[in-house]
Protein backbone atom coordinates (compact mmCIF):
# COMPACT_ATOMS: atom_id res chain seq x y z
CA UNK A 1 126.15 114.30 75.42
CA UNK A 2 122.25 114.50 74.97
CA UNK A 3 120.42 114.22 72.17
CA UNK A 4 119.05 117.95 72.28
CA UNK A 5 122.58 119.09 72.76
CA UNK A 6 121.79 120.43 76.29
CA UNK A 7 124.26 120.60 79.25
CA UNK A 8 123.37 117.84 81.86
CA UNK A 9 121.93 120.62 84.37
CA UNK A 10 120.21 122.79 81.64
CA UNK A 11 116.24 123.20 81.53
CA UNK A 12 114.55 122.21 78.05
CA UNK A 13 113.10 125.75 76.44
CA UNK A 14 110.31 127.01 78.26
CA UNK A 15 107.25 128.81 76.41
CA UNK A 16 103.96 130.05 77.45
CA UNK A 17 101.16 131.90 76.65
CA UNK A 18 98.55 133.12 79.29
CA UNK A 19 94.83 133.81 78.80
CA UNK A 20 94.47 131.44 75.97
CA UNK A 21 90.99 130.35 76.86
CA UNK A 22 88.10 132.92 76.13
CA UNK A 23 86.02 131.58 78.87
CA UNK A 24 88.02 130.27 81.80
CA UNK A 25 88.87 132.59 84.54
CA UNK A 26 92.50 131.74 84.24
CA UNK A 27 94.36 129.89 81.41
CA UNK A 28 97.99 129.13 80.17
CA UNK A 29 99.58 127.12 77.38
CA UNK A 30 102.63 125.71 78.78
CA UNK A 31 105.74 124.12 76.90
CA UNK A 32 108.69 122.52 78.16
CA UNK A 33 110.67 121.41 75.22
CA UNK A 34 108.38 119.38 73.11
CA UNK A 35 105.89 118.83 75.89
CA UNK A 36 102.75 121.14 75.81
CA UNK A 37 100.27 121.44 78.60
CA UNK A 38 96.87 123.21 78.02
CA UNK A 39 95.97 124.51 81.50
CA UNK A 40 92.63 126.24 82.60
CA UNK A 41 91.33 127.50 86.12
CA UNK A 42 87.85 127.68 86.58
CA UNK A 43 86.39 129.37 89.93
CA UNK A 44 82.98 128.18 91.35
CA UNK A 45 81.16 129.53 94.39
CA UNK A 46 80.82 126.23 96.21
CA UNK A 47 82.99 123.67 98.14
CA UNK A 48 83.34 120.15 98.94
CA UNK A 49 80.66 118.73 101.41
CA UNK A 50 83.62 118.74 104.01
CA UNK A 51 84.29 122.44 103.85
CA UNK A 52 80.77 123.76 103.96
CA UNK A 53 80.52 126.12 106.78
CA UNK A 54 84.18 126.31 107.39
CA UNK A 55 84.54 129.67 105.35
CA UNK A 56 87.42 128.15 103.58
CA UNK A 57 88.14 127.30 100.08
CA UNK A 58 89.50 124.41 97.87
CA UNK A 59 91.83 123.77 94.83
CA UNK A 60 91.63 120.41 93.10
CA UNK A 61 92.94 119.60 89.89
CA UNK A 62 92.23 117.33 86.83
CA UNK A 63 94.98 115.45 84.36
CA UNK A 64 94.37 113.99 80.99
CA UNK A 65 96.31 113.32 77.61
CA UNK A 66 94.44 113.75 74.26
CA UNK A 67 94.71 110.76 72.40
CA UNK A 68 97.50 111.68 70.07
CA UNK A 69 99.66 113.43 72.64
CA UNK A 70 101.71 110.64 72.34
CA UNK A 71 103.45 108.40 69.67
CA UNK A 72 100.72 106.14 69.74
CA UNK A 73 97.14 107.00 70.19
CA UNK A 74 95.97 106.34 73.90
CA UNK A 75 92.40 105.64 74.77
CA UNK A 76 90.21 108.09 76.40
CA UNK A 77 89.36 107.74 80.02
CA UNK A 78 85.71 107.83 78.97
CA UNK A 79 85.83 104.91 76.92
CA UNK A 80 86.94 102.76 80.09
CA UNK A 81 84.31 104.77 82.21
CA UNK A 82 86.83 105.68 84.88
CA UNK A 83 90.07 107.71 85.25
CA UNK A 84 93.28 105.66 84.78
CA UNK A 85 95.35 104.82 87.62
CA UNK A 86 98.24 107.35 86.38
CA UNK A 87 95.90 110.11 85.57
CA UNK A 88 94.33 109.81 89.05
CA UNK A 89 97.86 109.88 90.71
CA UNK A 90 99.35 112.73 88.65
CA UNK A 91 95.81 115.12 89.32
CA UNK A 92 96.27 114.40 93.00
CA UNK A 93 99.97 115.38 93.09
CA UNK A 94 99.20 118.71 90.98
CA UNK A 95 96.09 119.63 93.25
CA UNK A 96 98.57 118.84 96.45
CA UNK A 97 101.13 120.95 94.79
CA UNK A 98 98.98 124.13 93.84
CA UNK A 99 97.18 124.06 97.30
CA UNK A 100 100.61 124.59 98.88
CA UNK A 101 101.08 127.75 97.47
CA UNK A 102 97.30 129.53 98.34
CA UNK A 103 95.95 130.49 101.69
CA UNK A 104 92.89 128.43 101.69
CA UNK A 105 90.84 130.54 104.44
CA UNK A 106 91.32 133.74 101.91
CA UNK A 107 89.68 132.13 99.40
CA UNK A 108 86.24 132.11 101.05
CA UNK A 109 83.65 129.30 99.99
CA UNK A 110 85.06 128.80 96.72
CA UNK A 111 86.47 125.68 94.55
CA UNK A 112 88.97 126.38 91.76
CA UNK A 113 89.60 123.40 89.52
CA UNK A 114 92.63 123.43 87.31
CA UNK A 115 92.39 121.28 84.30
CA UNK A 116 95.71 119.98 83.08
CA UNK A 117 95.23 118.72 79.26
CA UNK A 118 98.51 117.20 77.65
CA UNK A 119 98.38 118.07 74.07
CA UNK A 120 102.05 116.73 73.30
CA UNK A 121 104.26 114.69 75.67
CA UNK A 122 107.87 114.20 75.58
CA UNK A 123 108.26 113.93 78.99
CA UNK A 124 107.89 115.90 82.20
CA UNK A 125 104.09 116.08 81.71
CA UNK A 126 103.13 115.84 85.32
CA UNK A 127 106.01 118.86 86.15
CA UNK A 128 104.67 121.07 83.09
CA UNK A 129 101.21 120.94 84.64
CA UNK A 130 102.28 121.83 87.87
CA UNK A 131 104.13 124.90 86.16
CA UNK A 132 101.47 125.68 83.86
CA UNK A 133 98.46 124.93 85.99
CA UNK A 134 100.06 127.52 88.78
CA UNK A 135 100.25 130.39 86.10
CA UNK A 136 96.42 129.47 84.93
CA UNK A 137 95.67 129.74 88.95
CA UNK A 138 97.34 132.72 89.79
CA UNK A 139 95.77 134.06 86.69
CA UNK A 140 92.25 133.28 88.08
CA UNK A 141 93.04 134.43 91.52
CA UNK A 142 94.13 137.71 90.30
CA UNK A 143 90.61 138.41 88.05
CA UNK A 144 88.71 136.90 91.09
CA UNK A 145 90.22 138.98 93.84
CA UNK A 146 91.54 141.97 92.28
CA UNK A 147 93.78 142.23 94.91
CA UNK A 148 97.79 142.12 95.37
CA UNK A 149 97.78 138.52 95.83
CA UNK A 150 100.97 138.14 97.48
CA UNK A 151 100.52 141.26 99.90
CA UNK A 152 97.09 140.31 101.03
CA UNK A 153 98.22 136.56 101.71
CA UNK A 154 96.16 135.10 99.13
CA UNK A 155 98.93 133.45 97.51
CA UNK A 156 101.72 132.23 99.85
CA UNK A 157 104.46 130.86 97.48
CA UNK A 158 104.86 130.49 93.77
CA UNK A 159 104.93 126.72 92.96
CA UNK A 160 106.94 124.80 90.36
CA UNK A 161 108.20 121.40 89.67
CA UNK A 162 111.19 119.76 87.54
CA UNK A 163 111.94 116.20 86.80
CA UNK A 164 115.39 114.83 87.29
CA UNK A 165 117.15 111.36 86.73
CA UNK A 166 120.25 109.35 86.63
CA UNK A 167 121.57 107.76 83.19
CA UNK A 168 124.95 106.25 83.03
CA UNK A 169 125.98 107.36 86.36
CA UNK A 170 125.16 111.25 85.37
CA UNK A 171 122.54 113.54 86.89
CA UNK A 172 120.49 115.08 84.06
CA UNK A 173 117.68 117.77 84.47
CA UNK A 174 114.58 117.99 83.07
CA UNK A 175 113.99 114.45 81.15
CA UNK A 176 112.40 114.33 77.97
CA UNK A 177 110.68 110.86 77.04
CA UNK A 178 113.80 109.21 75.71
CA UNK A 179 115.73 110.04 78.80
CA UNK A 180 112.93 109.28 81.01
CA UNK A 181 112.37 105.47 79.41
CA UNK A 182 116.33 104.95 80.07
CA UNK A 183 116.82 106.45 83.29
CA UNK A 184 118.02 104.38 86.12
CA UNK A 185 116.84 106.86 88.74
CA UNK A 186 113.64 109.19 87.85
CA UNK A 187 112.72 111.54 90.55
CA UNK A 188 110.35 114.91 90.39
CA UNK A 189 110.52 117.85 92.72
CA UNK A 190 108.08 120.10 93.63
CA UNK A 191 109.17 123.33 95.38
CA UNK A 192 108.27 126.94 96.35
CA UNK A 193 110.08 130.28 95.37
CA UNK A 194 111.30 129.95 98.87
CA UNK A 195 113.30 126.64 98.30
CA UNK A 196 111.02 124.76 100.64
CA UNK A 197 109.94 121.40 99.22
CA UNK A 198 106.45 120.40 98.78
CA UNK A 199 106.88 116.99 97.51
CA UNK A 200 109.62 114.66 96.13
CA UNK A 201 108.38 111.65 94.05
CA UNK A 202 111.39 109.11 93.16
CA UNK A 203 112.13 105.74 92.41
CA UNK A 204 115.28 103.37 91.48
CA UNK A 205 114.13 101.97 87.95
CA UNK A 206 117.31 99.83 87.43
CA UNK A 207 119.44 100.27 90.06
CA UNK A 208 119.56 101.90 93.84
CA UNK A 209 121.19 105.17 94.32
CA UNK A 210 123.25 106.82 97.58
CA UNK A 211 122.51 109.64 99.49
CA UNK A 212 125.61 111.58 97.98
CA UNK A 213 123.41 111.15 94.27
CA UNK A 214 120.17 112.35 95.88
CA UNK A 215 121.68 115.38 97.62
CA UNK A 216 123.45 116.15 93.90
CA UNK A 217 119.98 115.90 92.37
CA UNK A 218 118.22 118.15 94.89
CA UNK A 219 120.85 120.48 94.51
CA UNK A 220 120.45 120.68 90.50
CA UNK A 221 116.75 120.47 90.99
CA UNK A 222 116.64 123.26 92.96
CA UNK A 223 118.34 125.26 90.14
CA UNK A 224 116.29 124.45 87.80
CA UNK A 225 113.34 125.19 90.09
CA UNK A 226 114.70 128.65 90.57
CA UNK A 227 114.86 129.27 86.57
CA UNK A 228 111.03 128.02 86.15
CA UNK A 229 110.03 130.46 88.85
CA UNK A 230 111.56 133.21 87.06
CA UNK A 231 109.96 131.91 83.94
CA UNK A 232 106.46 132.20 85.91
CA UNK A 233 107.21 135.61 87.12
CA UNK A 234 107.82 136.70 83.60
CA UNK A 235 104.40 135.14 82.31
CA UNK A 236 102.43 136.57 85.26
CA UNK A 237 104.18 140.06 84.90
CA UNK A 238 104.84 139.98 88.66
């Protein structure tokens, strides 16, 4: 039995609020259980140097935790003068994931930066950032282009992500911090609304796992992704 009384293949409660930032082109406060991420999307009429003159846009992401997002205070990156390795790896994952859902050529020479700030962390911060970040991104695209994003091909797919792991030979969906820190296997799945895989991150934390276990995790993750997509559709009134 899980501490929060969920079934093994049950997501934590998903909550959202769209348009929480007065200034950003798109924004969303996204919660999965006790994990809460404040996501904003900023649209700028410029592109990185490697895209200049190519009539293509760019989507990038930044990720950070506020100091008391966790049980003990963490030091801000600015104190160290650079983004720490974990944050850098996560924001690259978020950027890759979001770009997979958008037709870059349709953006024109624009850059959209999605900032994901974790205000409370209880496991699954990177997956919650992707889920909330995509809502903020879509919100910004809708306001910027004022067109049917799916019909005009600006948005190719809805994007969502979920964590999954194995603890005591049981496959558990959407791990909280306690479960994640005790997992024998820890994985993250990023997928589209068409069930295509964008990225799978996984590692055996304590012991190796079989192909059968991998397929079981995939099948449960796929069902969890579908429910998160449903939540995104409701949040965006699609």
